[in-house]
């Protein structure tokens, strides 16, 4: 199936996605460090759902990305 895109177009799209992935990883790292700095007494308070931790959130993100083909 020809999409009409050149190899350079596809390369540019991949480069843009990699930039987005790097930015997402940076944001996840920032959130992880912010989470680690929270007072432990605040960690049990979560009105959005079950409590989580950075390691579990990162692992869930990695697991979700494995299926990307």
C-alpha atoms as a PDB file:
ATOM      1  CA  UNK A   1       0.000   0.000   0.000  1.00  0.00           C
ATOM      2  CA  UNK A   2       1.562   3.253  -1.143  1.00  0.00           C
ATOM      3  CA  UNK A   3       0.792   6.195   1.129  1.00  0.00           C
ATOM      4  CA  UNK A   4       2.567   8.669  -1.115  1.00  0.00           C
ATOM      5  CA  UNK A   5       5.121   9.425   1.561  1.00  0.00           C
ATOM      6  CA  UNK A   6       8.784   9.462   0.718  1.00  0.00           C
ATOM      7  CA  UNK A   7      11.398   7.720   2.830  1.00  0.00           C
ATOM      8  CA  UNK A   8      12.411  11.170   4.092  1.00  0.00           C
ATOM      9  CA  UNK A   9       8.802  11.827   5.177  1.00  0.00           C
ATOM     10  CA  UNK A  10       8.698   8.543   7.059  1.00  0.00           C
ATOM     11  CA  UNK A  11      12.060   9.284   8.651  1.00  0.00           C
ATOM     12  CA  UNK A  12      10.803  12.687   9.777  1.00  0.00           C
ATOM     13  CA  UNK A  13       7.723  11.074  11.328  1.00  0.00           C
ATOM     14  CA  UNK A  14       9.875   8.528  13.176  1.00  0.00           C
ATOM     15  CA  UNK A  15      12.224  11.281  14.389  1.00  0.00           C
ATOM     16  CA  UNK A  16       9.241  13.288  15.660  1.00  0.00           C
ATOM     17  CA  UNK A  17       7.882  10.244  17.501  1.00  0.00           C
ATOM     18  CA  UNK A  18      11.282   9.575  19.062  1.00  0.00           C
ATOM     19  CA  UNK A  19      11.422  13.196  20.238  1.00  0.00           C
ATOM     20  CA  UNK A  20       7.969  12.788  21.776  1.00  0.00           C
ATOM     21  CA  UNK A  21       9.057   9.543  23.436  1.00  0.00           C
ATOM     22  CA  UNK A  22      12.133  11.241  24.907  1.00  0.00           C
ATOM     23  CA  UNK A  23       9.970  14.081  26.217  1.00  0.00           C
ATOM     24  CA  UNK A  24       7.531  11.575  27.728  1.00  0.00           C
ATOM     25  CA  UNK A  25      10.349   9.689  29.417  1.00  0.00           C
ATOM     26  CA  UNK A  26      11.691  12.967  30.817  1.00  0.00           C
ATOM     27  CA  UNK A  27       8.251  13.860  32.140  1.00  0.00           C
ATOM     28  CA  UNK A  28       7.847  10.413  33.713  1.00  0.00           C
ATOM     29  CA  UNK A  29      11.236  10.797  35.367  1.00  0.00           C
ATOM     30  CA  UNK A  30      10.283  14.234  36.683  1.00  0.00           C
ATOM     31  CA  UNK A  31       7.011  12.860  38.059  1.00  0.00           C
ATOM     32  CA  UNK A  32       8.868   9.953  39.648  1.00  0.00           C
ATOM     33  CA  UNK A  33      11.209  12.324  41.461  1.00  0.00           C
ATOM     34  CA  UNK A  34       8.344  14.566  42.545  1.00  0.00           C
ATOM     35  CA  UNK A  35       6.500  11.514  43.825  1.00  0.00           C
ATOM     36  CA  UNK A  36       9.557  10.387  45.783  1.00  0.00           C
ATOM     37  CA  UNK A  37       9.708  13.785  47.493  1.00  0.00           C
ATOM     38  CA  UNK A  38       6.110  13.590  48.754  1.00  0.00           C
ATOM     39  CA  UNK A  39       5.516  13.204  52.459  1.00  0.00           C
ATOM     40  CA  UNK A  40       4.604   9.567  53.139  1.00  0.00           C
ATOM     41  CA  UNK A  41       1.478  10.628  54.998  1.00  0.00           C
ATOM     42  CA  UNK A  42       0.141  12.106  51.734  1.00  0.00           C
ATOM     43  CA  UNK A  43       0.726   8.971  49.652  1.00  0.00           C
ATOM     44  CA  UNK A  44      -2.280   7.123  51.020  1.00  0.00           C
ATOM     45  CA  UNK A  45      -4.611   9.973  50.017  1.00  0.00           C
ATOM     46  CA  UNK A  46      -5.744   9.505  46.444  1.00  0.00           C
ATOM     47  CA  UNK A  47      -9.124  10.647  45.236  1.00  0.00           C
ATOM     48  CA  UNK A  48      -8.457   9.473  41.688  1.00  0.00           C
ATOM     49  CA  UNK A  49      -8.287   5.748  42.357  1.00  0.00           C
ATOM     50  CA  UNK A  50      -6.099   3.117  43.928  1.00  0.00           C
ATOM     51  CA  UNK A  51      -2.723   4.189  45.259  1.00  0.00           C
ATOM     52  CA  UNK A  52       0.221   3.610  42.915  1.00  0.00           C
ATOM     53  CA  UNK A  53       3.945   4.181  42.879  1.00  0.00           C
ATOM     54  CA  UNK A  54       6.368   5.384  40.220  1.00  0.00           C
ATOM     55  CA  UNK A  55       7.871   1.959  39.560  1.00  0.00           C
ATOM     56  CA  UNK A  56       4.448   0.446  38.878  1.00  0.00           C
ATOM     57  CA  UNK A  57       3.454   3.379  36.662  1.00  0.00           C
ATOM     58  CA  UNK A  58       6.672   3.125  34.645  1.00  0.00           C
ATOM     59  CA  UNK A  59       6.322  -0.649  34.297  1.00  0.00           C
ATOM     60  CA  UNK A  60       2.732  -0.291  33.122  1.00  0.00           C
ATOM     61  CA  UNK A  61       3.873   2.273  30.559  1.00  0.00           C
ATOM     62  CA  UNK A  62       6.669   0.009  29.336  1.00  0.00           C
ATOM     63  CA  UNK A  63       4.303  -2.938  29.092  1.00  0.00           C
ATOM     64  CA  UNK A  64       1.856  -0.873  27.057  1.00  0.00           C
ATOM     65  CA  UNK A  65       4.620   0.180  24.651  1.00  0.00           C
ATOM     66  CA  UNK A  66       5.723  -3.413  24.025  1.00  0.00           C
ATOM     67  CA  UNK A  67       2.624  -4.033  21.939  1.00  0.00           C
ATOM     68  CA  UNK A  68       3.308  -1.112  19.616  1.00  0.00           C
ATOM     69  CA  UNK A  69       4.261  -2.453  16.205  1.00  0.00           C
END
